[in-house]
C-alpha cells in the first residue's frame, strides 16, 4: 500500500443537501461524508448527529432553518466518533442523548478518538479551535428511549454492538424512517477499527427486522425501498463476513498482521475497492479482525501515533 495516510489526500469538498425522507423527517445527506438528519416535532426539533465541528454544524443549522424555525431541543448521537459528535456545541441549549455505551466510550476514549480522527480526516475538521471540548451527553439510555414530539413518536434504540459498542439508531415509526448511523453503510467504506465484527452481523438482522420504508446509512445515499435496504444490508454483511473469513484463513496459515492485510487486500479490493473511503478503512479493518479472531474482545484505543504506526507497518 503506497497511498497517503488515511483520508489526508481527500480535499474535495462535499456539499450536504437537506433531503425530505418522510413527513417532517429530513436527512442532511452527502455523497460519502457522514450523514446527519432531523425530525421536526410539533414544538421542537430532534437532530441526529452533529458533524465534526461547530462551523460545519452551523452550516447545517442554516439549512435546517430553511425548513423550520422551531428550536432544536434534542440532539441524538448515534455513536461516539468525533466526526459525528464534536459539532454539538452549535446546538445551544439542546439536551444531548446517547446510549449508555456511547456515553461510556466518550468518557473512556473520546479525546483519543478526536485526535485520531482529526489527523485521519483533516477536511472534515475545519476551525477545530472552535470546539470547546468533548461532547458530554446529558442522558444515556441502556436499551431504548422514547420521545414524544407531538406529531411523531421517536424511538432511540441500542440494537446491539456493531460499528462500536454503543451504536444506536433513531426510528420514526410513523414515517417509516430509520437513521442507522454507521451500523449500516451504503456502498461506502465500512470502518471496523472499533467494531465487534461477529456481533455486528446479528445487529444488522435486528435492524432489518424493522422493515423501514427509508433507511439512512452512515455514509451513502438513503435507501428508499425494501429491496434497496435488504441489498445494502446484505452487501454490508458480505464485506464483514469476507473480511473475517480471509483473516481467519491467514491466521490458519500462520501469517502475521501484514500477511493477513496483503491477503485481504488481494481478495477484497476487486470487489469493494471502488467504494469511497475504502483505502482509509482497510488497515484498521484488518487489524480489528486480526485482534478479534485472536480472542481480543474489545477494540484497542486508537491514537494518532498508533494510527501512523499501523499505516507504516502495512505500507
Protein backbone atom coordinates (compact mmCIF):
# COMPACT_ATOMS: atom_id res chain seq x y z
CA UNK A 1 0.00 0.00 0.00
CA UNK A 2 1.56 3.29 -1.11
CA UNK A 3 -1.31 5.71 -0.57
CA UNK A 4 -1.34 8.90 1.52
CA UNK A 5 -2.22 8.41 5.18
CA UNK A 6 -5.92 7.67 5.77
CA UNK A 7 -8.02 10.44 4.15
CA UNK A 8 -5.38 13.18 4.14
CA UNK A 9 -5.45 13.32 0.34
CA UNK A 10 -9.24 13.76 0.30
CA UNK A 11 -9.57 17.51 -0.28
CA UNK A 12 -12.66 17.62 -2.49
CA UNK A 13 -15.40 19.50 -0.65
CA UNK A 14 -18.81 17.85 -0.43
CA UNK A 15 -21.93 19.98 -0.08
CA UNK A 16 -24.56 18.18 2.00
CA UNK A 17 -28.18 18.64 0.96
CA UNK A 18 -31.36 18.59 3.02
CA UNK A 19 -33.49 15.75 1.68
CA UNK A 20 -37.10 15.04 2.70
CA UNK A 21 -37.42 11.43 3.82
CA UNK A 22 -40.96 11.38 5.20
CA UNK A 23 -43.50 13.68 6.80
CA UNK A 24 -41.43 16.12 8.94
CA UNK A 25 -38.32 13.91 8.69
CA UNK A 26 -35.23 15.07 6.82
CA UNK A 27 -31.74 13.91 6.04
CA UNK A 28 -28.65 16.09 5.71
CA UNK A 29 -27.00 13.96 3.06
CA UNK A 30 -23.56 13.98 1.43
CA UNK A 31 -22.16 11.85 -1.35
CA UNK A 32 -19.89 9.92 1.00
CA UNK A 33 -19.27 12.11 4.08
CA UNK A 34 -21.11 11.25 7.32
CA UNK A 35 -24.87 11.77 7.04
CA UNK A 36 -27.00 13.56 9.63
CA UNK A 37 -30.71 14.32 9.88
CA UNK A 38 -33.56 15.84 11.86
CA UNK A 39 -37.16 15.32 12.87
CA UNK A 40 -39.46 18.34 13.11
CA UNK A 41 -41.86 17.93 16.01
CA UNK A 42 -44.93 19.92 16.95
CA UNK A 43 -42.94 22.41 19.04
CA UNK A 44 -39.28 21.46 18.62
CA UNK A 45 -36.69 19.59 16.57
CA UNK A 46 -34.63 16.47 17.21
CA UNK A 47 -31.23 16.45 15.46
CA UNK A 48 -29.46 13.20 14.63
CA UNK A 49 -25.66 13.59 14.86
CA UNK A 50 -23.91 16.95 14.63
CA UNK A 51 -20.95 16.89 12.18
CA UNK A 52 -17.32 17.25 13.26
CA UNK A 53 -17.04 20.92 14.23
CA UNK A 54 -19.29 23.81 15.29
CA UNK A 55 -18.50 25.53 11.98
CA UNK A 56 -19.95 22.65 9.97
CA UNK A 57 -22.86 22.32 12.39
CA UNK A 58 -23.77 25.98 11.96
CA UNK A 59 -23.85 25.48 8.17
CA UNK A 60 -26.24 22.61 8.72
CA UNK A 61 -28.40 24.66 11.11
CA UNK A 62 -28.66 27.37 8.47
CA UNK A 63 -30.10 24.77 6.08
CA UNK A 64 -32.40 23.42 8.79
CA UNK A 65 -33.72 26.95 9.35
CA UNK A 66 -34.96 26.99 5.76
CA UNK A 67 -37.37 24.24 6.82
CA UNK A 68 -38.37 25.34 10.33
CA UNK A 69 -37.69 27.98 12.96
CA UNK A 70 -38.58 25.63 15.84
CA UNK A 71 -35.83 25.19 18.45
CA UNK A 72 -33.56 22.16 18.37
CA UNK A 73 -34.40 20.76 21.78
CA UNK A 74 -32.77 17.32 21.44
CA UNK A 75 -29.55 16.12 19.86
CA UNK A 76 -29.19 12.36 19.45
CA UNK A 77 -25.72 10.95 18.76
CA UNK A 78 -25.69 7.55 17.06
CA UNK A 79 -22.21 6.75 18.41
CA UNK A 80 -19.10 8.34 19.86
CA UNK A 81 -16.87 9.06 16.85
CA UNK A 82 -15.65 12.63 16.62
CA UNK A 83 -16.93 13.27 13.08
CA UNK A 84 -20.45 12.94 14.47
CA UNK A 85 -20.29 14.49 17.92
CA UNK A 86 -17.84 17.40 18.07
CA UNK A 87 -20.22 19.88 16.43
CA UNK A 88 -22.70 19.58 19.28
CA UNK A 89 -21.82 22.92 20.91
CA UNK A 90 -23.50 24.71 17.98
CA UNK A 91 -26.86 23.37 19.24
CA UNK A 92 -27.08 25.73 22.19
CA UNK A 93 -29.46 24.65 24.94
CA UNK A 94 -30.21 21.24 23.43
CA UNK A 95 -30.33 18.08 25.51
CA UNK A 96 -27.73 15.64 24.20
CA UNK A 97 -28.80 11.98 24.22
CA UNK A 98 -26.78 8.82 23.58
CA UNK A 99 -26.86 5.19 24.51
CA UNK A 100 -25.12 4.45 27.79
CA UNK A 101 -22.49 2.56 25.82
CA UNK A 102 -21.70 5.67 23.79
CA UNK A 103 -21.66 7.79 26.92
CA UNK A 104 -19.10 5.44 28.47
CA UNK A 105 -16.97 5.39 25.31
CA UNK A 106 -16.84 9.19 25.15
CA UNK A 107 -15.52 9.22 28.70
CA UNK A 108 -13.06 6.38 28.08
CA UNK A 109 -11.66 7.21 24.64
CA UNK A 110 -13.34 10.34 23.31
CA UNK A 111 -10.26 12.54 23.41
CA UNK A 112 -8.02 9.92 21.78
CA UNK A 113 -10.65 9.39 19.09
CA UNK A 114 -10.93 13.12 18.40
CA UNK A 115 -7.18 13.49 17.95
CA UNK A 116 -7.08 10.35 15.80
CA UNK A 117 -9.95 11.31 13.50
CA UNK A 118 -8.80 14.90 13.12
CA UNK A 119 -5.46 13.62 11.79
CA UNK A 120 -7.08 10.97 9.58
CA UNK A 121 -9.71 13.24 8.00
CA UNK A 122 -8.50 16.87 8.18
CA UNK A 123 -11.02 18.12 5.61
CA UNK A 124 -13.87 17.24 7.96
CA UNK A 125 -12.46 19.32 10.81
CA UNK A 126 -12.43 23.00 9.78
CA UNK A 127 -11.93 25.55 12.57
CA UNK A 128 -11.05 22.99 15.24
CA UNK A 129 -10.20 25.83 17.63
CA UNK A 130 -13.94 26.48 17.95
CA UNK A 131 -14.51 23.07 19.56
CA UNK A 132 -14.88 23.77 23.30
CA UNK A 133 -14.03 20.23 24.39
CA UNK A 134 -15.50 16.77 24.45
CA UNK A 135 -19.23 16.42 23.87
CA UNK A 136 -20.71 15.18 27.16
CA UNK A 137 -24.19 13.62 26.86
CA UNK A 138 -26.85 14.75 29.31
CA UNK A 139 -28.83 11.49 29.06
CA UNK A 140 -27.70 7.94 28.45
CA UNK A 141 -30.15 5.06 27.93
CA UNK A 142 -29.39 1.36 28.17
CA UNK A 143 -31.67 -0.13 25.50
CA UNK A 144 -34.35 2.35 24.44
CA UNK A 145 -35.61 5.87 24.99
CA UNK A 146 -38.93 7.07 23.55
CA UNK A 147 -39.50 10.76 22.79
CA UNK A 148 -42.94 12.20 22.09
CA UNK A 149 -42.52 15.10 19.69
CA UNK A 150 -46.27 15.61 19.37
CA UNK A 151 -46.66 14.68 15.73
CA UNK A 152 -44.11 11.85 15.93
CA UNK A 153 -43.03 9.25 18.43
CA UNK A 154 -39.29 8.74 18.10
CA UNK A 155 -37.59 5.62 19.41
CA UNK A 156 -33.87 5.77 20.13
CA UNK A 157 -32.61 2.19 20.37
CA UNK A 158 -29.42 0.28 21.05
CA UNK A 159 -29.90 -2.87 18.97
CA UNK A 160 -26.55 -4.43 19.83
CA UNK A 161 -22.85 -3.96 19.24
CA UNK A 162 -21.54 -3.35 15.75
CA UNK A 163 -19.55 -0.42 14.43
CA UNK A 164 -18.89 0.32 18.12
CA UNK A 165 -20.11 -0.97 21.45
CA UNK A 166 -22.63 1.84 21.80
CA UNK A 167 -24.27 2.19 18.38
CA UNK A 168 -27.89 3.27 18.46
CA UNK A 169 -30.48 4.05 15.81
CA UNK A 170 -33.25 6.62 15.54
CA UNK A 171 -36.55 5.04 14.47
CA UNK A 172 -39.51 7.21 13.47
CA UNK A 173 -42.22 4.57 13.03
CA UNK A 174 -44.97 6.97 11.95
CA UNK A 175 -42.88 7.98 8.94
CA UNK A 176 -41.19 4.62 8.46
CA UNK A 177 -37.76 6.29 8.59
CA UNK A 178 -34.71 4.94 10.39
CA UNK A 179 -31.37 6.68 10.88
CA UNK A 180 -28.87 3.83 11.14
CA UNK A 181 -25.67 5.72 11.83
CA UNK A 182 -22.57 3.75 10.90
CA UNK A 183 -24.23 0.47 11.75
CA UNK A 184 -25.06 0.43 8.06
CA UNK A 185 -23.25 1.94 5.08
CA UNK A 186 -24.49 2.14 1.52
CA UNK A 187 -21.56 1.11 -0.66
CA UNK A 188 -19.02 3.21 1.19
CA UNK A 189 -16.00 2.05 3.16
CA UNK A 190 -17.02 0.18 6.32
CA UNK A 191 -14.86 1.21 9.26
CA UNK A 192 -14.27 -1.69 11.66
CA UNK A 193 -11.46 -0.35 13.83
CA UNK A 194 -13.76 -0.05 16.86
CA UNK A 195 -16.11 -2.85 15.87
CA UNK A 196 -17.44 -6.11 17.25
CA UNK A 197 -17.50 -7.86 13.92
CA UNK A 198 -19.27 -11.11 14.76
CA UNK A 199 -21.96 -9.36 16.82
CA UNK A 200 -22.40 -6.77 14.09
CA UNK A 201 -23.82 -9.43 11.79
CA UNK A 202 -26.58 -10.18 14.31
CA UNK A 203 -27.27 -6.50 14.99
CA UNK A 204 -27.83 -5.87 11.28
CA UNK A 205 -30.52 -8.54 11.25
CA UNK A 206 -32.27 -6.82 14.16
CA UNK A 207 -32.15 -3.60 12.15
CA UNK A 208 -33.56 -5.35 9.07
CA UNK A 209 -36.49 -6.69 11.08
CA UNK A 210 -37.97 -3.19 11.45
CA UNK A 211 -38.59 -3.11 7.68
CA UNK A 212 -38.24 0.67 7.39
CA UNK A 213 -39.53 2.47 4.32
CA UNK A 214 -36.42 4.64 4.32
CA UNK A 215 -33.05 3.79 5.86
CA UNK A 216 -30.39 6.50 6.21
CA UNK A 217 -26.91 4.98 6.28
CA UNK A 218 -23.90 6.49 7.99
CA UNK A 219 -22.44 7.20 4.57
CA UNK A 220 -24.02 6.97 1.14
CA UNK A 221 -27.47 7.60 -0.27
CA UNK A 222 -30.63 6.82 1.72
CA UNK A 223 -32.30 3.57 0.69
CA UNK A 224 -35.98 4.05 -0.13
CA UNK A 225 -37.34 0.57 -0.89
CA UNK A 226 -37.29 -2.71 0.99
CA UNK A 227 -35.17 -4.20 -1.79
CA UNK A 228 -32.61 -1.38 -1.64
CA UNK A 229 -32.45 -1.73 2.14
CA UNK A 230 -32.12 -5.50 2.05
CA UNK A 231 -29.47 -5.32 -0.67
CA UNK A 232 -27.45 -2.77 1.30
CA UNK A 233 -27.60 -4.88 4.46
CA UNK A 234 -26.61 -7.99 2.51
CA UNK A 235 -23.69 -6.18 0.89
CA UNK A 236 -22.56 -4.76 4.22
CA UNK A 237 -22.69 -8.21 5.81
CA UNK A 238 -20.90 -9.71 2.83
CA UNK A 239 -17.97 -7.38 3.40
CA UNK A 240 -17.79 -8.23 7.12
CA UNK A 241 -18.06 -11.99 6.55
CA UNK A 242 -15.46 -11.92 3.78
CA UNK A 243 -13.07 -9.87 5.93
CA UNK A 244 -13.41 -12.31 8.83
CA UNK A 245 -13.05 -15.34 6.55
CA UNK A 246 -9.88 -14.05 4.90
CA UNK A 247 -8.18 -13.07 8.15
CA UNK A 248 -9.18 -16.40 9.70
CA UNK A 249 -7.57 -18.17 6.74
CA UNK A 250 -4.46 -16.05 7.14
CA UNK A 251 -4.17 -16.94 10.81
CA UNK A 252 -4.58 -20.63 9.99
CA UNK A 253 -1.68 -20.27 7.55
CA UNK A 254 0.47 -18.69 10.24
CA UNK A 255 0.51 -15.27 8.62
CA UNK A 256 1.32 -12.18 10.64
CA UNK A 257 -0.75 -8.98 10.55
CA UNK A 258 0.88 -7.69 7.38
CA UNK A 259 0.45 -11.06 5.70
CA UNK A 260 -3.25 -11.03 6.57
CA UNK A 261 -3.51 -7.48 5.27
CA UNK A 262 -1.95 -8.39 1.94
CA UNK A 263 -4.25 -11.41 1.64
CA UNK A 264 -7.31 -9.28 2.44
CA UNK A 265 -6.21 -6.55 0.05
CA UNK A 266 -5.79 -9.09 -2.73
CA UNK A 267 -9.25 -10.57 -2.29
CA UNK A 268 -11.35 -7.63 -1.09
CA UNK A 269 -10.13 -4.88 -3.39
CA UNK A 270 -11.50 -6.34 -6.66
CA UNK A 271 -14.97 -6.47 -5.10
CA UNK A 272 -15.10 -3.45 -2.82
CA UNK A 273 -12.16 -1.25 -3.77
CA UNK A 274 -14.32 1.22 -5.73
CA UNK A 275 -16.15 2.29 -2.55
CA UNK A 276 -15.37 5.77 -1.19
CA UNK A 277 -13.12 5.69 1.90
CA UNK A 278 -12.18 2.05 1.19
CA UNK A 279 -8.41 2.61 1.30
CA UNK A 280 -8.73 4.61 4.50
CA UNK A 281 -10.54 1.90 6.43
CA UNK A 282 -8.73 -1.23 5.26
CA UNK A 283 -5.70 -1.22 7.60
CA UNK A 284 -7.93 -0.62 10.62
CA UNK A 285 -10.45 -3.23 9.48
CA UNK A 286 -7.84 -5.95 9.11
CA UNK A 287 -6.20 -5.00 12.42
CA UNK A 288 -9.52 -5.31 14.26
CA UNK A 289 -10.39 -8.64 12.58
CA UNK A 290 -6.91 -9.90 13.47
CA UNK A 291 -7.45 -8.91 17.12
CA UNK A 292 -11.00 -10.26 17.41
CA UNK A 293 -10.12 -13.62 15.88
CA UNK A 294 -7.21 -13.95 18.31
CA UNK A 295 -9.61 -13.52 21.25
CA UNK A 296 -9.14 -9.82 21.99
CA UNK A 297 -12.68 -8.90 22.99
CA UNK A 298 -12.61 -5.12 23.00
CA UNK A 299 -11.14 -2.88 20.28
CA UNK A 300 -7.92 -1.11 21.10
CA UNK A 301 -7.99 2.62 21.73
CA UNK A 302 -6.70 4.29 18.58
CA UNK A 303 -4.46 7.33 18.83
CA UNK A 304 -2.81 9.43 16.16
CA UNK A 305 0.53 7.82 17.00
CA UNK A 306 -0.89 4.29 16.88
CA UNK A 307 -2.71 5.03 13.62
CA UNK A 308 0.51 6.03 11.89
CA UNK A 309 2.41 3.08 13.30
CA UNK A 310 -0.20 0.74 11.82
CA UNK A 311 -0.21 2.57 8.50
CA UNK A 312 3.58 2.42 8.25
CA UNK A 313 3.63 -1.26 9.20
CA UNK A 314 1.24 -2.16 6.40
CA UNK A 315 2.62 0.25 3.80
